[in-house]
């Protein structure tokens, strides 16, 4: 496994984690109705960053 493959795998894993955490924050916040608006903003930023990391990994892996 070379350095490029490790970077792709790391970006993909971190993207998955960011997506999962963002969605979990949203689901728990909606279920308990105790999450402030800043929590949803943070969850949205995590999801956005996760999608970006996944896209970066896909584009880098294509080369």
N, C-alpha and C. Protein backbone atom coordinates (compact mmCIF):
# COMPACT_ATOMS: atom_id res chain seq x y z
N UNK A 1 0.85 -1.17 0.00
CA UNK A 1 0.00 0.00 0.00
C UNK A 1 0.90 1.24 0.00
N UNK A 2 0.75 2.07 -0.99
CA UNK A 2 1.58 3.27 -1.08
C UNK A 2 0.91 4.45 -0.36
N UNK A 3 1.59 5.57 -0.38
CA UNK A 3 1.11 6.75 0.38
C UNK A 3 -0.20 7.28 -0.17
N UNK A 4 -0.38 7.24 -1.49
CA UNK A 4 -1.62 7.75 -2.07
C UNK A 4 -2.81 6.91 -1.64
N UNK A 5 -2.67 5.60 -1.64
CA UNK A 5 -3.75 4.71 -1.21
C UNK A 5 -4.09 4.92 0.26
N UNK A 6 -3.07 5.17 1.08
CA UNK A 6 -3.33 5.43 2.50
C UNK A 6 -4.09 6.73 2.68
N UNK A 7 -3.73 7.78 1.89
CA UNK A 7 -4.46 9.06 1.97
C UNK A 7 -5.91 8.89 1.54
N UNK A 8 -6.13 8.11 0.50
CA UNK A 8 -7.49 7.87 0.01
C UNK A 8 -8.30 7.13 1.07
N UNK A 9 -7.73 6.09 1.65
CA UNK A 9 -8.43 5.33 2.68
C UNK A 9 -8.71 6.18 3.91
N UNK A 10 -7.75 7.01 4.30
CA UNK A 10 -7.94 7.88 5.46
C UNK A 10 -9.04 8.89 5.21
N UNK A 11 -9.05 9.51 4.03
CA UNK A 11 -10.09 10.48 3.69
C UNK A 11 -11.46 9.81 3.66
N UNK A 12 -11.52 8.61 3.12
CA UNK A 12 -12.80 7.90 3.06
C UNK A 12 -13.30 7.54 4.45
N UNK A 13 -12.42 7.07 5.31
CA UNK A 13 -12.83 6.71 6.67
C UNK A 13 -13.26 7.93 7.46
N UNK A 14 -12.48 9.02 7.38
CA UNK A 14 -12.86 10.24 8.10
C UNK A 14 -14.16 10.82 7.56
N UNK A 15 -14.38 10.72 6.26
CA UNK A 15 -15.64 11.17 5.68
C UNK A 15 -16.82 10.36 6.20
N UNK A 16 -16.64 9.05 6.29
CA UNK A 16 -17.70 8.21 6.85
C UNK A 16 -18.00 8.56 8.30
N UNK A 17 -16.96 8.78 9.07
CA UNK A 17 -17.14 9.12 10.49
C UNK A 17 -17.86 10.45 10.62
N UNK A 18 -17.46 11.45 9.83
CA UNK A 18 -18.10 12.77 9.90
C UNK A 18 -19.57 12.67 9.51
N UNK A 19 -19.86 11.92 8.46
CA UNK A 19 -21.26 11.73 8.06
C UNK A 19 -22.07 11.04 9.15
N UNK A 20 -21.53 10.00 9.72
CA UNK A 20 -22.22 9.25 10.75
C UNK A 20 -22.49 10.11 11.98
N UNK A 21 -21.48 10.84 12.44
CA UNK A 21 -21.65 11.68 13.63
C UNK A 21 -22.65 12.80 13.36
N UNK A 22 -22.57 13.42 12.19
CA UNK A 22 -23.52 14.48 11.85
C UNK A 22 -24.95 13.97 11.81
N UNK A 23 -25.15 12.82 11.21
CA UNK A 23 -26.50 12.26 11.15
C UNK A 23 -26.98 11.80 12.51
N UNK A 24 -26.10 11.26 13.34
CA UNK A 24 -26.49 10.85 14.69
C UNK A 24 -26.89 12.05 15.54
N UNK A 25 -26.15 13.15 15.44
CA UNK A 25 -26.50 14.36 16.17
C UNK A 25 -27.89 14.82 15.76
N UNK A 26 -28.18 14.79 14.47
CA UNK A 26 -29.48 15.23 13.98
C UNK A 26 -30.59 14.30 14.46
N UNK A 27 -30.38 13.00 14.37
CA UNK A 27 -31.41 12.04 14.78
C UNK A 27 -31.69 12.14 16.26
N UNK A 28 -30.64 12.19 17.06
CA UNK A 28 -30.82 12.29 18.51
C UNK A 28 -31.47 13.62 18.87
N UNK A 29 -31.06 14.69 18.20
CA UNK A 29 -31.64 16.00 18.47
C UNK A 29 -33.12 16.05 18.13
N UNK A 30 -33.50 15.44 17.03
CA UNK A 30 -34.92 15.42 16.66
C UNK A 30 -35.73 14.51 17.59
N UNK A 31 -35.13 13.42 18.05
CA UNK A 31 -35.84 12.49 18.92
C UNK A 31 -36.04 13.06 20.32
N UNK A 32 -35.05 13.77 20.83
CA UNK A 32 -35.15 14.28 22.20
C UNK A 32 -35.63 15.72 22.26
N UNK A 33 -35.58 16.42 21.14
CA UNK A 33 -36.03 17.82 21.06
C UNK A 33 -35.28 18.72 22.04
N UNK A 34 -34.01 18.38 22.28
CA UNK A 34 -33.24 19.17 23.24
C UNK A 34 -31.98 19.78 22.61
N UNK A 35 -31.81 19.63 21.31
CA UNK A 35 -30.62 20.16 20.65
C UNK A 35 -30.88 21.59 20.19
N UNK A 36 -30.01 22.53 20.57
CA UNK A 36 -30.19 23.91 20.11
C UNK A 36 -29.85 24.04 18.62
N UNK A 37 -30.15 25.19 18.06
CA UNK A 37 -29.90 25.41 16.63
C UNK A 37 -28.43 25.28 16.29
N UNK A 38 -27.55 25.65 17.22
CA UNK A 38 -26.11 25.52 16.96
C UNK A 38 -25.70 24.06 16.78
N UNK A 39 -26.39 23.16 17.46
CA UNK A 39 -26.11 21.73 17.30
C UNK A 39 -26.42 21.24 15.90
N UNK A 40 -27.54 21.71 15.35
CA UNK A 40 -27.89 21.33 13.99
C UNK A 40 -26.94 21.97 12.98
N UNK A 41 -26.50 23.16 13.26
CA UNK A 41 -25.51 23.81 12.38
C UNK A 41 -24.21 23.01 12.38
N UNK A 42 -23.77 22.59 13.56
CA UNK A 42 -22.56 21.77 13.68
C UNK A 42 -22.74 20.44 12.94
N UNK A 43 -23.91 19.83 13.09
CA UNK A 43 -24.18 18.56 12.41
C UNK A 43 -24.16 18.76 10.90
N UNK A 44 -24.72 19.86 10.42
CA UNK A 44 -24.70 20.14 8.99
C UNK A 44 -23.29 20.35 8.47
N UNK A 45 -22.46 21.02 9.26
CA UNK A 45 -21.07 21.23 8.85
C UNK A 45 -20.32 19.90 8.80
N UNK A 46 -20.61 19.01 9.75
CA UNK A 46 -19.97 17.70 9.74
C UNK A 46 -20.38 16.90 8.50
N UNK A 47 -21.65 16.93 8.18
CA UNK A 47 -22.13 16.21 6.99
C UNK A 47 -21.50 16.79 5.74
N UNK A 48 -21.45 18.11 5.65
CA UNK A 48 -20.85 18.77 4.49
C UNK A 48 -19.37 18.40 4.36
N UNK A 49 -18.64 18.39 5.48
CA UNK A 49 -17.22 18.01 5.46
C UNK A 49 -17.07 16.54 5.10
N UNK A 50 -17.96 15.69 5.59
CA UNK A 50 -17.90 14.27 5.27
C UNK A 50 -18.12 14.00 3.79
N UNK A 51 -19.07 14.72 3.21
CA UNK A 51 -19.31 14.57 1.77
C UNK A 51 -18.09 15.04 0.99
N UNK A 52 -17.50 16.15 1.43
CA UNK A 52 -16.30 16.64 0.75
C UNK A 52 -15.15 15.67 0.82
N UNK A 53 -14.95 15.07 1.97
CA UNK A 53 -13.88 14.09 2.11
C UNK A 53 -14.13 12.86 1.25
N UNK A 54 -15.37 12.42 1.19
CA UNK A 54 -15.70 11.27 0.35
C UNK A 54 -15.46 11.58 -1.13
N UNK A 55 -15.84 12.80 -1.55
CA UNK A 55 -15.61 13.20 -2.93
C UNK A 55 -14.12 13.28 -3.24
N UNK A 56 -13.36 13.84 -2.31
CA UNK A 56 -11.91 13.92 -2.51
C UNK A 56 -11.31 12.53 -2.65
N UNK A 57 -11.74 11.60 -1.82
CA UNK A 57 -11.21 10.24 -1.90
C UNK A 57 -11.59 9.60 -3.23
N UNK A 58 -12.82 9.82 -3.68
CA UNK A 58 -13.24 9.23 -4.95
C UNK A 58 -12.46 9.80 -6.12
N UNK A 59 -12.24 11.12 -6.12
CA UNK A 59 -11.50 11.73 -7.22
C UNK A 59 -10.03 11.33 -7.20
N UNK A 60 -9.45 11.21 -6.02
CA UNK A 60 -8.04 10.82 -5.92
C UNK A 60 -7.86 9.35 -6.29
N UNK A 61 -8.82 8.52 -5.94
CA UNK A 61 -8.73 7.10 -6.23
C UNK A 61 -8.90 6.82 -7.72
N UNK A 62 -9.56 7.70 -8.42
CA UNK A 62 -9.80 7.50 -9.85
C UNK A 62 -8.54 7.62 -10.67
N UNK A 63 -7.56 8.36 -10.20
CA UNK A 63 -6.33 8.59 -10.95
C UNK A 63 -5.43 7.39 -10.98
